[in-house]
């Protein structure tokens, strides 16, 4: 299976390498292919670098890994026709340009909406699934917490797309917790805020969330 990744930063490169590690082919979509030569060389024959549109066209599953403020434009460049009917794993967070306040990020969305809901409305023929937005890039793939699987919260309107997300997360060493429809992204996206507070205040960036049940 081919994975098309829209984005070329740390999250995109980490996830891209993770998919290749688990046997997938990856097309990393970027505006600046020349900046990713080392990533491509490092990851071998299953790694390629191209445009957003080519990644979206040829990827069977899409990963959105850009800054939240750039998400709409990146998807427009990818092309709605190339994204039609496809699962889009949405790792973007709606972080504004305003600086954190006592370690708390500012979002450009409000509490009664989410970035993913906006994107789903703009691209109604695609199937967005919120995932990978509540942990740092170094721990996105097969995180090591002394044998304890951390929890990745997901949300989306399409059951088949969420099943695909769960299969990937299982390979990547995560326990998946499906929180329901796209509206649940209103609660999942702010986990990024909570995750970042120990980082900004204590320089702790290696933690992850775990949902305990009994």
N, C-alpha and C. Protein backbone atom coordinates (compact mmCIF):
# COMPACT_ATOMS: atom_id res chain seq x y z
N UNK A 1 0.84 -1.20 0.00
CA UNK A 1 0.00 0.00 0.00
C UNK A 1 0.88 1.25 0.00
N UNK A 2 0.46 2.26 -0.76
CA UNK A 2 1.19 3.52 -0.82
C UNK A 2 0.54 4.55 0.10
N UNK A 3 1.38 5.24 0.84
CA UNK A 3 0.94 6.32 1.72
C UNK A 3 1.39 7.64 1.12
N UNK A 4 0.47 8.56 0.94
CA UNK A 4 0.80 9.90 0.48
C UNK A 4 0.78 10.85 1.65
N UNK A 5 1.90 11.48 1.92
CA UNK A 5 2.00 12.40 3.05
C UNK A 5 2.06 13.83 2.53
N UNK A 6 1.13 14.65 3.01
CA UNK A 6 1.11 16.06 2.65
C UNK A 6 1.83 16.81 3.76
N UNK A 7 3.07 17.20 3.48
CA UNK A 7 3.90 17.85 4.48
C UNK A 7 5.31 17.32 4.41
N UNK A 8 6.26 18.07 4.96
CA UNK A 8 7.66 17.66 4.86
C UNK A 8 8.47 17.99 6.10
N UNK A 9 7.82 18.39 7.19
CA UNK A 9 8.51 18.72 8.42
C UNK A 9 8.83 17.49 9.25
N UNK A 10 9.12 17.71 10.53
CA UNK A 10 9.53 16.62 11.41
C UNK A 10 8.46 15.54 11.53
N UNK A 11 7.19 15.95 11.67
CA UNK A 11 6.11 14.97 11.80
C UNK A 11 5.98 14.16 10.51
N UNK A 12 5.98 14.83 9.39
CA UNK A 12 5.84 14.14 8.09
C UNK A 12 6.99 13.16 7.88
N UNK A 13 8.22 13.59 8.15
CA UNK A 13 9.37 12.72 7.93
C UNK A 13 9.38 11.54 8.89
N UNK A 14 9.02 11.78 10.15
CA UNK A 14 8.98 10.70 11.13
C UNK A 14 7.93 9.67 10.76
N UNK A 15 6.73 10.12 10.44
CA UNK A 15 5.68 9.19 10.05
C UNK A 15 6.04 8.47 8.75
N UNK A 16 6.63 9.20 7.82
CA UNK A 16 7.03 8.58 6.56
C UNK A 16 8.01 7.44 6.79
N UNK A 17 9.01 7.69 7.62
CA UNK A 17 9.98 6.63 7.94
C UNK A 17 9.32 5.48 8.67
N UNK A 18 8.35 5.80 9.53
CA UNK A 18 7.63 4.76 10.25
C UNK A 18 6.83 3.86 9.33
N UNK A 19 6.16 4.47 8.38
CA UNK A 19 5.40 3.65 7.41
C UNK A 19 6.33 2.74 6.61
N UNK A 20 7.46 3.28 6.19
CA UNK A 20 8.42 2.47 5.44
C UNK A 20 8.94 1.32 6.29
N UNK A 21 9.22 1.60 7.55
CA UNK A 21 9.66 0.56 8.49
C UNK A 21 8.67 -0.59 8.55
N UNK A 22 7.39 -0.27 8.42
CA UNK A 22 6.35 -1.30 8.52
C UNK A 22 5.88 -1.80 7.15
N UNK A 23 6.67 -1.56 6.13
CA UNK A 23 6.44 -2.20 4.84
C UNK A 23 5.66 -1.40 3.81
N UNK A 24 5.27 -0.18 4.13
CA UNK A 24 4.52 0.65 3.18
C UNK A 24 5.48 1.39 2.23
N UNK A 25 4.96 1.79 1.09
CA UNK A 25 5.65 2.75 0.24
C UNK A 25 5.14 4.15 0.60
N UNK A 26 6.01 5.13 0.54
CA UNK A 26 5.66 6.48 0.97
C UNK A 26 6.05 7.51 -0.08
N UNK A 27 5.10 8.39 -0.38
CA UNK A 27 5.36 9.57 -1.22
C UNK A 27 5.22 10.79 -0.32
N UNK A 28 6.30 11.48 -0.11
CA UNK A 28 6.28 12.69 0.73
C UNK A 28 6.02 13.89 -0.17
N UNK A 29 4.88 14.56 0.03
CA UNK A 29 4.53 15.71 -0.77
C UNK A 29 5.06 16.99 -0.16
N UNK A 30 5.68 17.83 -0.96
CA UNK A 30 6.32 19.03 -0.45
C UNK A 30 6.39 20.11 -1.52
N UNK A 31 6.56 21.34 -1.09
CA UNK A 31 6.80 22.44 -2.02
C UNK A 31 8.28 22.53 -2.41
N UNK A 32 9.15 21.89 -1.62
CA UNK A 32 10.60 22.00 -1.82
C UNK A 32 11.26 20.62 -1.81
N UNK A 33 11.12 19.85 -2.89
CA UNK A 33 11.66 18.48 -2.92
C UNK A 33 13.15 18.39 -2.64
N UNK A 34 13.90 19.42 -3.04
CA UNK A 34 15.36 19.36 -2.87
C UNK A 34 15.78 19.31 -1.40
N UNK A 35 14.91 19.75 -0.50
CA UNK A 35 15.24 19.75 0.93
C UNK A 35 15.12 18.37 1.56
N UNK A 36 14.57 17.41 0.81
CA UNK A 36 14.31 16.10 1.37
C UNK A 36 15.18 15.00 0.77
N UNK A 37 16.27 15.40 0.12
CA UNK A 37 17.15 14.40 -0.48
C UNK A 37 17.71 13.43 0.55
N UNK A 38 18.11 13.95 1.71
CA UNK A 38 18.70 13.08 2.73
C UNK A 38 17.67 12.12 3.30
N UNK A 39 16.42 12.59 3.47
CA UNK A 39 15.35 11.70 3.95
C UNK A 39 15.12 10.58 2.93
N UNK A 40 15.08 10.93 1.69
CA UNK A 40 14.85 9.94 0.64
C UNK A 40 15.97 8.91 0.60
N UNK A 41 17.21 9.37 0.66
CA UNK A 41 18.36 8.46 0.62
C UNK A 41 18.37 7.55 1.84
N UNK A 42 18.04 8.10 2.98
CA UNK A 42 18.05 7.33 4.23
C UNK A 42 17.02 6.21 4.21
N UNK A 43 15.88 6.44 3.54
CA UNK A 43 14.77 5.49 3.62
C UNK A 43 14.67 4.54 2.43
N UNK A 44 15.53 4.65 1.46
CA UNK A 44 15.64 3.63 0.42
C UNK A 44 14.59 3.66 -0.66
N UNK A 45 14.42 2.51 -1.29
CA UNK A 45 13.63 2.41 -2.51
C UNK A 45 12.14 2.67 -2.32
N UNK A 46 11.65 2.47 -1.10
CA UNK A 46 10.22 2.68 -0.86
C UNK A 46 9.87 4.13 -0.57
N UNK A 47 10.88 5.00 -0.57
CA UNK A 47 10.66 6.42 -0.29
C UNK A 47 10.77 7.24 -1.56
N UNK A 48 9.82 8.14 -1.76
CA UNK A 48 9.90 9.08 -2.87
C UNK A 48 9.40 10.44 -2.42
N UNK A 49 9.79 11.46 -3.15
CA UNK A 49 9.44 12.84 -2.83
C UNK A 49 8.84 13.49 -4.06
N UNK A 50 7.71 14.16 -3.89
CA UNK A 50 7.05 14.78 -5.03
C UNK A 50 6.20 15.96 -4.55
N UNK A 51 5.26 16.36 -5.36
CA UNK A 51 4.38 17.48 -5.03
C UNK A 51 3.22 17.01 -4.16
N UNK A 52 2.50 17.96 -3.56
CA UNK A 52 1.31 17.63 -2.80
C UNK A 52 0.31 16.87 -3.68
N UNK A 53 0.13 17.35 -4.91
CA UNK A 53 -0.85 16.74 -5.80
C UNK A 53 -0.47 15.31 -6.15
N UNK A 54 0.81 15.05 -6.40
CA UNK A 54 1.24 13.70 -6.75
C UNK A 54 1.11 12.76 -5.55
N UNK A 55 1.44 13.25 -4.35
CA UNK A 55 1.28 12.43 -3.15
C UNK A 55 -0.18 12.08 -2.93
N UNK A 56 -1.06 13.05 -3.15
CA UNK A 56 -2.49 12.82 -2.96
C UNK A 56 -3.06 11.89 -4.03
N UNK A 57 -2.59 12.04 -5.25
CA UNK A 57 -3.09 11.22 -6.35
C UNK A 57 -2.69 9.76 -6.20
N UNK A 58 -1.45 9.51 -5.83
CA UNK A 58 -0.92 8.15 -5.81
C UNK A 58 -0.99 7.48 -4.46
N UNK A 59 -1.22 8.24 -3.40
CA UNK A 59 -1.36 7.63 -2.09
C UNK A 59 -2.73 6.99 -1.93
N UNK A 60 -2.75 5.77 -1.40
CA UNK A 60 -4.03 5.09 -1.15
C UNK A 60 -4.62 5.55 0.18
N UNK A 61 -3.76 5.89 1.12
CA UNK A 61 -4.13 6.56 2.36
C UNK A 61 -3.29 7.82 2.44
N UNK A 62 -3.90 8.91 2.90
CA UNK A 62 -3.23 10.20 2.96
C UNK A 62 -2.99 10.59 4.41
N UNK A 63 -1.84 11.20 4.67
CA UNK A 63 -1.55 11.77 5.98
C UNK A 63 -1.37 13.27 5.82
N UNK A 64 -2.11 14.04 6.61
CA UNK A 64 -1.97 15.50 6.60
C UNK A 64 -1.06 15.88 7.77
N UNK A 65 0.15 16.34 7.45
CA UNK A 65 1.14 16.65 8.48
C UNK A 65 1.77 18.00 8.19
N UNK A 66 0.95 19.05 8.31
CA UNK A 66 1.41 20.42 8.10
C UNK A 66 0.95 21.27 9.28
N UNK A 67 1.46 22.49 9.37
CA UNK A 67 0.96 23.42 10.37
C UNK A 67 -0.53 23.66 10.11
N UNK A 68 -1.29 23.77 11.19
CA UNK A 68 -2.73 23.92 11.05
C UNK A 68 -3.15 25.07 10.16
N UNK A 69 -2.44 26.19 10.26
CA UNK A 69 -2.78 27.37 9.47
C UNK A 69 -2.56 27.14 7.98
N UNK A 70 -1.75 26.16 7.63
CA UNK A 70 -1.45 25.85 6.23
C UNK A 70 -2.27 24.70 5.68
N UNK A 71 -3.09 24.08 6.53
CA UNK A 71 -3.76 22.83 6.15
C UNK A 71 -4.70 23.01 4.96
N UNK A 72 -5.54 24.03 5.00
CA UNK A 72 -6.49 24.23 3.91
C UNK A 72 -5.78 24.43 2.58
N UNK A 73 -4.77 25.30 2.57
CA UNK A 73 -4.04 25.57 1.34
C UNK A 73 -3.32 24.33 0.82
N UNK A 74 -2.73 23.56 1.73
CA UNK A 74 -2.03 22.34 1.33
C UNK A 74 -2.99 21.35 0.68
N UNK A 75 -4.18 21.22 1.24
CA UNK A 75 -5.17 20.30 0.67
C UNK A 75 -5.69 20.81 -0.67
N UNK A 76 -5.83 22.12 -0.79
CA UNK A 76 -6.24 22.68 -2.08
C UNK A 76 -5.20 22.40 -3.15
N UNK A 77 -3.91 22.53 -2.78
CA UNK A 77 -2.84 22.22 -3.73
C UNK A 77 -2.81 20.74 -4.07
N UNK A 78 -3.16 19.91 -3.09
CA UNK A 78 -3.22 18.47 -3.34
C UNK A 78 -4.33 18.12 -4.32
N UNK A 79 -5.42 18.87 -4.26
CA UNK A 79 -6.53 18.67 -5.20
C UNK A 79 -7.64 17.81 -4.64
N UNK A 80 -8.83 18.37 -4.54
CA UNK A 80 -9.97 17.63 -4.00
C UNK A 80 -10.24 16.36 -4.81
N UNK A 81 -10.02 16.41 -6.12
CA UNK A 81 -10.25 15.23 -6.96
C UNK A 81 -9.28 14.11 -6.65
N UNK A 82 -8.07 14.46 -6.21
CA UNK A 82 -7.08 13.45 -5.84
C UNK A 82 -7.36 12.84 -4.46
N UNK A 83 -8.11 13.58 -3.65
CA UNK A 83 -8.41 13.14 -2.28
C UNK A 83 -9.77 12.46 -2.16
N UNK A 84 -10.54 12.48 -3.21
CA UNK A 84 -11.91 11.96 -3.17
C UNK A 84 -11.94 10.49 -2.75
N UNK A 85 -12.77 10.20 -1.74
CA UNK A 85 -12.98 8.84 -1.29
C UNK A 85 -11.87 8.26 -0.43
N UNK A 86 -10.83 9.03 -0.15
CA UNK A 86 -9.67 8.51 0.55
C UNK A 86 -9.70 8.85 2.05
N UNK A 87 -9.06 8.00 2.82
CA UNK A 87 -8.85 8.26 4.24
C UNK A 87 -7.73 9.27 4.38
N UNK A 88 -7.98 10.31 5.18
CA UNK A 88 -6.96 11.31 5.48
C UNK A 88 -6.71 11.31 6.97
N UNK A 89 -5.54 10.83 7.38
CA UNK A 89 -5.15 10.88 8.78
C UNK A 89 -4.66 12.29 9.09
N UNK A 90 -5.41 12.98 9.92
CA UNK A 90 -5.18 14.41 10.15
C UNK A 90 -4.39 14.62 11.44
N UNK A 91 -3.10 14.95 11.29
CA UNK A 91 -2.22 15.19 12.44
C UNK A 91 -2.05 16.67 12.75
N UNK A 92 -2.77 17.53 12.03
CA UNK A 92 -2.59 18.98 12.18
C UNK A 92 -3.30 19.51 13.42
N UNK A 93 -2.74 20.55 14.00
CA UNK A 93 -3.34 21.24 15.13
C UNK A 93 -3.52 22.72 14.81
N UNK A 94 -4.62 23.33 15.27
CA UNK A 94 -4.92 24.72 14.93
C UNK A 94 -4.18 25.73 15.81
N UNK A 95 -2.86 25.65 15.81
CA UNK A 95 -2.05 26.52 16.66
C UNK A 95 -1.89 27.88 15.99
N UNK A 96 -2.19 28.94 16.71
CA UNK A 96 -2.09 30.29 16.16
C UNK A 96 -0.65 30.81 16.29
N UNK A 97 -0.41 31.98 15.72
CA UNK A 97 0.92 32.58 15.79
C UNK A 97 1.19 33.27 17.12
N UNK A 98 0.16 33.41 17.95
CA UNK A 98 0.36 34.06 19.24
C UNK A 98 1.21 33.17 20.15
N UNK A 99 2.07 33.76 20.97
CA UNK A 99 2.92 32.96 21.85
C UNK A 99 2.11 32.29 22.96
N UNK A 100 2.63 31.17 23.50
CA UNK A 100 1.94 30.51 24.61
C UNK A 100 1.84 31.43 25.82
N UNK A 101 0.79 31.21 26.62
CA UNK A 101 0.60 31.96 27.86
C UNK A 101 0.81 30.99 29.02
N UNK A 102 1.87 31.18 29.77
CA UNK A 102 2.22 30.25 30.85
C UNK A 102 2.24 28.80 30.36
N UNK A 103 2.78 28.63 29.16
CA UNK A 103 2.90 27.29 28.60
C UNK A 103 1.69 26.78 27.85
N UNK A 104 0.62 27.57 27.80
CA UNK A 104 -0.62 27.13 27.14
C UNK A 104 -0.70 27.75 25.75
N UNK A 105 -0.76 26.90 24.75
CA UNK A 105 -0.84 27.36 23.37
C UNK A 105 -2.13 28.11 23.09
N UNK A 106 -2.10 28.97 22.10
CA UNK A 106 -3.29 29.62 21.58
C UNK A 106 -3.74 28.91 20.30
N UNK A 107 -5.03 28.65 20.19
CA UNK A 107 -5.62 28.07 18.98
C UNK A 107 -6.40 29.13 18.22
N UNK A 108 -6.50 28.96 16.91
CA UNK A 108 -7.33 29.88 16.12
C UNK A 108 -8.75 29.36 15.95
N UNK A 109 -9.07 28.21 16.54
CA UNK A 109 -10.44 27.72 16.60
C UNK A 109 -11.02 28.03 17.97
N UNK A 110 -12.35 27.87 18.12
CA UNK A 110 -12.94 28.04 19.45
C UNK A 110 -13.37 26.68 19.98
N UNK A 111 -13.93 26.66 21.17
CA UNK A 111 -14.24 25.40 21.83
C UNK A 111 -15.41 24.66 21.20
N UNK A 112 -16.18 25.34 20.37
CA UNK A 112 -17.34 24.70 19.74
C UNK A 112 -17.07 24.33 18.28
N UNK A 113 -15.80 24.16 17.96
CA UNK A 113 -15.43 23.77 16.61
C UNK A 113 -14.02 23.20 16.63
N UNK A 114 -13.60 22.69 15.49
CA UNK A 114 -12.25 22.13 15.39
C UNK A 114 -11.75 22.32 13.97
N UNK A 115 -10.44 22.26 13.83
CA UNK A 115 -9.84 22.35 12.51
C UNK A 115 -10.31 21.19 11.63
N UNK A 116 -10.34 19.99 12.17
CA UNK A 116 -10.72 18.85 11.34
C UNK A 116 -12.15 18.97 10.84
N UNK A 117 -13.06 19.46 11.67
CA UNK A 117 -14.43 19.66 11.21
C UNK A 117 -14.48 20.63 10.04
N UNK A 118 -13.69 21.70 10.14
CA UNK A 118 -13.64 22.68 9.04
C UNK A 118 -13.12 22.03 7.76
N UNK A 119 -12.06 21.24 7.89
CA UNK A 119 -11.49 20.59 6.71
C UNK A 119 -12.44 19.56 6.13
N UNK A 120 -13.13 18.83 7.00
CA UNK A 120 -14.10 17.84 6.52
C UNK A 120 -15.23 18.52 5.74
N UNK A 121 -15.65 19.70 6.19
CA UNK A 121 -16.68 20.45 5.48
C UNK A 121 -16.19 20.95 4.13
N UNK A 122 -14.91 21.33 4.07
CA UNK A 122 -14.34 21.83 2.83
C UNK A 122 -14.10 20.73 1.81
N UNK A 123 -13.84 19.51 2.32
CA UNK A 123 -13.55 18.36 1.45
C UNK A 123 -14.48 17.22 1.83
N UNK A 124 -15.79 17.38 1.54
CA UNK A 124 -16.80 16.44 2.03
C UNK A 124 -16.69 15.04 1.44
N UNK A 125 -15.99 14.88 0.33
CA UNK A 125 -15.89 13.55 -0.30
C UNK A 125 -14.65 12.77 0.17
N UNK A 126 -13.93 13.35 1.14
CA UNK A 126 -12.81 12.65 1.76
C UNK A 126 -13.19 12.25 3.18
N UNK A 127 -12.46 11.32 3.75
CA UNK A 127 -12.79 10.78 5.07
C UNK A 127 -11.68 11.10 6.08
N UNK A 128 -11.85 12.17 6.80
CA UNK A 128 -10.83 12.61 7.75
C UNK A 128 -10.91 11.81 9.05
N UNK A 129 -9.74 11.49 9.58
CA UNK A 129 -9.63 10.85 10.89
C UNK A 129 -8.57 11.59 11.68
N UNK A 130 -8.95 12.15 12.81
CA UNK A 130 -7.98 12.83 13.67
C UNK A 130 -7.07 11.79 14.31
N UNK A 131 -5.75 11.99 14.21
CA UNK A 131 -4.79 11.05 14.79
C UNK A 131 -3.41 11.70 14.80
N UNK A 132 -2.56 11.23 15.68
CA UNK A 132 -1.16 11.65 15.75
C UNK A 132 -0.96 13.11 16.17
N UNK A 133 -1.99 13.77 16.67
CA UNK A 133 -1.85 15.19 17.01
C UNK A 133 -1.51 15.44 18.47
N UNK A 134 -1.49 14.39 19.30
CA UNK A 134 -1.36 14.61 20.75
C UNK A 134 -0.10 13.98 21.33
N UNK A 135 0.95 13.90 20.51
CA UNK A 135 2.24 13.38 20.99
C UNK A 135 3.33 13.98 20.10
N UNK A 136 4.55 14.05 20.62
CA UNK A 136 5.65 14.59 19.84
C UNK A 136 6.13 13.63 18.78
N UNK A 137 6.69 14.16 17.72
CA UNK A 137 7.13 13.35 16.59
C UNK A 137 8.04 12.18 16.97
N UNK A 138 9.03 12.35 17.86
CA UNK A 138 9.93 11.23 18.17
C UNK A 138 9.23 10.00 18.74
N UNK A 139 8.03 10.17 19.30
CA UNK A 139 7.32 9.05 19.91
C UNK A 139 6.08 8.62 19.13
N UNK A 140 5.97 9.03 17.89
CA UNK A 140 4.79 8.67 17.10
C UNK A 140 4.81 7.23 16.61
N UNK A 141 6.01 6.70 16.41
CA UNK A 141 6.13 5.35 15.84
C UNK A 141 6.80 4.43 16.86
N UNK A 142 6.07 3.39 17.28
CA UNK A 142 6.57 2.39 18.23
C UNK A 142 7.21 3.03 19.46
N UNK A 143 6.44 3.83 20.19
CA UNK A 143 6.96 4.47 21.39
C UNK A 143 7.29 3.44 22.47
N UNK A 144 8.33 3.73 23.23
CA UNK A 144 8.79 2.80 24.26
C UNK A 144 8.47 3.36 25.64
N UNK A 145 7.44 2.79 26.28
CA UNK A 145 7.06 3.17 27.63
C UNK A 145 7.04 1.94 28.53
N UNK A 146 8.18 1.23 28.52
CA UNK A 146 8.35 0.05 29.38
C UNK A 146 7.24 -0.98 29.20
N UNK A 147 6.89 -1.22 27.95
CA UNK A 147 5.90 -2.24 27.64
C UNK A 147 4.45 -1.79 27.73
N UNK A 148 4.22 -0.56 28.13
CA UNK A 148 2.85 -0.03 28.22
C UNK A 148 2.49 0.69 26.93
N UNK A 149 1.40 0.29 26.32
CA UNK A 149 0.96 0.97 25.10
C UNK A 149 0.26 2.28 25.45
N UNK A 150 0.73 3.41 24.94
CA UNK A 150 0.00 4.65 25.15
C UNK A 150 -1.27 4.68 24.29
N UNK A 151 -2.15 5.62 24.60
CA UNK A 151 -3.44 5.72 23.91
C UNK A 151 -3.41 6.83 22.87
N UNK A 152 -3.86 6.50 21.66
CA UNK A 152 -4.08 7.52 20.63
C UNK A 152 -5.58 7.68 20.43
N UNK A 153 -6.06 8.88 20.69
CA UNK A 153 -7.48 9.19 20.51
C UNK A 153 -7.73 9.57 19.06
N UNK A 154 -8.78 8.97 18.48
CA UNK A 154 -9.13 9.27 17.10
C UNK A 154 -10.59 9.69 17.01
N UNK A 155 -10.93 10.34 15.91
CA UNK A 155 -12.32 10.72 15.65
C UNK A 155 -12.51 10.88 14.15
N UNK A 156 -13.73 10.64 13.69
CA UNK A 156 -14.04 10.80 12.28
C UNK A 156 -15.42 10.25 11.99
N UNK A 157 -15.96 10.59 10.84
CA UNK A 157 -17.33 10.21 10.50
C UNK A 157 -17.44 8.87 9.78
N UNK A 158 -16.33 8.37 9.25
CA UNK A 158 -16.39 7.17 8.43
C UNK A 158 -15.78 5.98 9.16
N UNK A 159 -16.57 4.95 9.37
CA UNK A 159 -16.12 3.79 10.15
C UNK A 159 -14.98 3.05 9.47
N UNK A 160 -15.04 2.91 8.15
CA UNK A 160 -13.98 2.20 7.43
C UNK A 160 -12.66 2.95 7.51
N UNK A 161 -12.73 4.27 7.42
CA UNK A 161 -11.51 5.08 7.54
C UNK A 161 -10.90 4.95 8.93
N UNK A 162 -11.75 4.93 9.95
CA UNK A 162 -11.24 4.77 11.31
C UNK A 162 -10.65 3.38 11.52
N UNK A 163 -11.20 2.39 10.84
CA UNK A 163 -10.63 1.04 10.92
C UNK A 163 -9.23 1.02 10.32
N UNK A 164 -9.05 1.70 9.20
CA UNK A 164 -7.73 1.80 8.59
C UNK A 164 -6.75 2.49 9.54
N UNK A 165 -7.22 3.55 10.19
CA UNK A 165 -6.37 4.26 11.15
C UNK A 165 -5.97 3.35 12.30
N UNK A 166 -6.92 2.58 12.79
CA UNK A 166 -6.64 1.68 13.91
C UNK A 166 -5.63 0.61 13.53
N UNK A 167 -5.73 0.08 12.32
CA UNK A 167 -4.77 -0.93 11.87
C UNK A 167 -3.36 -0.36 11.82
N UNK A 168 -3.24 0.87 11.35
CA UNK A 168 -1.93 1.53 11.30
C UNK A 168 -1.41 1.80 12.71
N UNK A 169 -2.27 2.32 13.56
CA UNK A 169 -1.85 2.62 14.93
C UNK A 169 -1.43 1.37 15.68
N UNK A 170 -2.08 0.26 15.41
CA UNK A 170 -1.70 -1.00 16.05
C UNK A 170 -0.28 -1.40 15.62
N UNK A 171 0.02 -1.26 14.34
CA UNK A 171 1.36 -1.56 13.86
C UNK A 171 2.39 -0.61 14.47
N UNK A 172 1.97 0.62 14.70
CA UNK A 172 2.87 1.64 15.24
C UNK A 172 2.99 1.58 16.76
N UNK A 173 2.34 0.58 17.38
CA UNK A 173 2.50 0.37 18.82
C UNK A 173 1.57 1.15 19.72
N UNK A 174 0.41 1.54 19.20
CA UNK A 174 -0.54 2.34 19.97
C UNK A 174 -1.81 1.56 20.29
N UNK A 175 -2.41 1.90 21.40
CA UNK A 175 -3.78 1.51 21.72
C UNK A 175 -4.68 2.61 21.17
N UNK A 176 -5.69 2.23 20.40
CA UNK A 176 -6.58 3.22 19.78
C UNK A 176 -7.86 3.36 20.58
N UNK A 177 -8.26 4.60 20.79
CA UNK A 177 -9.53 4.88 21.45
C UNK A 177 -10.37 5.75 20.51
N UNK A 178 -11.43 5.15 19.95
CA UNK A 178 -12.31 5.85 19.02
C UNK A 178 -13.31 6.68 19.81
N UNK A 179 -13.23 7.98 19.65
CA UNK A 179 -14.08 8.89 20.42
C UNK A 179 -15.35 9.30 19.67
N UNK A 180 -15.54 8.78 18.46
CA UNK A 180 -16.79 9.06 17.76
C UNK A 180 -16.62 9.89 16.50
N UNK A 181 -17.64 10.71 16.22
CA UNK A 181 -17.66 11.50 14.99
C UNK A 181 -16.70 12.67 15.00
N UNK A 182 -16.74 13.41 13.90
CA UNK A 182 -15.79 14.51 13.72
C UNK A 182 -15.87 15.54 14.83
N UNK A 183 -17.04 15.69 15.44
CA UNK A 183 -17.19 16.67 16.52
C UNK A 183 -16.23 16.40 17.68
N UNK A 184 -15.85 15.14 17.86
CA UNK A 184 -14.94 14.78 18.95
C UNK A 184 -13.56 15.39 18.77
N UNK A 185 -13.24 15.84 17.56
CA UNK A 185 -11.96 16.53 17.35
C UNK A 185 -11.88 17.81 18.17
N UNK A 186 -13.05 18.34 18.58
CA UNK A 186 -13.05 19.53 19.45
C UNK A 186 -12.38 19.23 20.78
N UNK A 187 -12.43 17.99 21.21
CA UNK A 187 -11.79 17.58 22.46
C UNK A 187 -10.39 17.02 22.23
N UNK A 188 -10.17 16.38 21.07
CA UNK A 188 -8.88 15.76 20.81
C UNK A 188 -7.81 16.79 20.44
N UNK A 189 -8.17 17.77 19.63
CA UNK A 189 -7.17 18.77 19.24
C UNK A 189 -6.57 19.50 20.44
N UNK A 190 -7.36 19.88 21.46
CA UNK A 190 -6.77 20.55 22.62
C UNK A 190 -5.83 19.68 23.45
N UNK A 191 -5.81 18.36 23.21
CA UNK A 191 -4.82 17.53 23.88
C UNK A 191 -3.41 17.97 23.52
N UNK A 192 -3.27 18.58 22.36
CA UNK A 192 -1.98 19.16 21.98
C UNK A 192 -1.57 20.24 22.98
N UNK A 193 -2.52 21.06 23.39
CA UNK A 193 -2.25 22.09 24.41
C UNK A 193 -1.75 21.46 25.69
N UNK A 194 -2.50 20.44 26.15
CA UNK A 194 -2.16 19.78 27.40
C UNK A 194 -0.81 19.10 27.30
N UNK A 195 -0.54 18.45 26.16
CA UNK A 195 0.72 17.76 25.97
C UNK A 195 1.91 18.72 26.02
N UNK A 196 1.72 19.94 25.50
CA UNK A 196 2.83 20.90 25.40
C UNK A 196 3.15 21.60 26.71
N UNK A 197 2.23 21.64 27.65
CA UNK A 197 2.48 22.39 28.89
C UNK A 197 3.72 21.89 29.63
N UNK A 198 3.89 20.58 29.87
CA UNK A 198 5.13 20.14 30.53
C UNK A 198 6.37 20.47 29.72
N UNK A 199 6.22 20.52 28.40
CA UNK A 199 7.36 20.86 27.56
C UNK A 199 7.80 22.29 27.76
N UNK A 200 6.83 23.20 27.68
CA UNK A 200 7.17 24.61 27.83
C UNK A 200 7.59 24.96 29.25
N UNK A 201 6.98 24.33 30.24
CA UNK A 201 7.24 24.70 31.63
C UNK A 201 8.39 23.93 32.28
N UNK A 202 8.62 22.67 31.82
CA UNK A 202 9.63 21.83 32.47
C UNK A 202 10.62 21.20 31.48
N UNK A 203 10.47 21.55 30.20
CA UNK A 203 11.30 20.96 29.14
C UNK A 203 11.15 19.44 29.10
N UNK A 204 9.95 18.96 29.34
CA UNK A 204 9.63 17.54 29.25
C UNK A 204 8.79 17.31 27.99
N UNK A 205 9.35 16.57 27.05
CA UNK A 205 8.70 16.41 25.75
C UNK A 205 8.54 14.95 25.34
N UNK A 206 8.69 14.01 26.26
CA UNK A 206 8.69 12.60 25.87
C UNK A 206 7.47 11.83 26.35
N UNK A 207 6.52 12.50 26.95
CA UNK A 207 5.36 11.82 27.54
C UNK A 207 4.29 11.52 26.48
N UNK A 208 3.33 10.70 26.87
CA UNK A 208 2.17 10.38 26.04
C UNK A 208 0.98 10.13 26.96
N UNK A 209 -0.21 10.12 26.39
CA UNK A 209 -1.43 9.92 27.18
C UNK A 209 -1.80 8.43 27.24
N UNK A 210 -2.44 8.06 28.34
CA UNK A 210 -2.93 6.70 28.52
C UNK A 210 -4.31 6.75 29.15
N UNK A 211 -5.29 6.12 28.52
CA UNK A 211 -6.63 6.01 29.07
C UNK A 211 -6.73 4.73 29.89
N UNK A 212 -7.01 4.86 31.17
CA UNK A 212 -7.13 3.70 32.05
C UNK A 212 -8.60 3.32 32.19
N UNK A 213 -8.86 2.01 32.16
CA UNK A 213 -10.24 1.51 32.25
C UNK A 213 -10.31 0.41 33.30
N UNK A 214 -11.51 0.21 33.82
CA UNK A 214 -11.74 -0.94 34.69
C UNK A 214 -13.22 -1.33 34.64
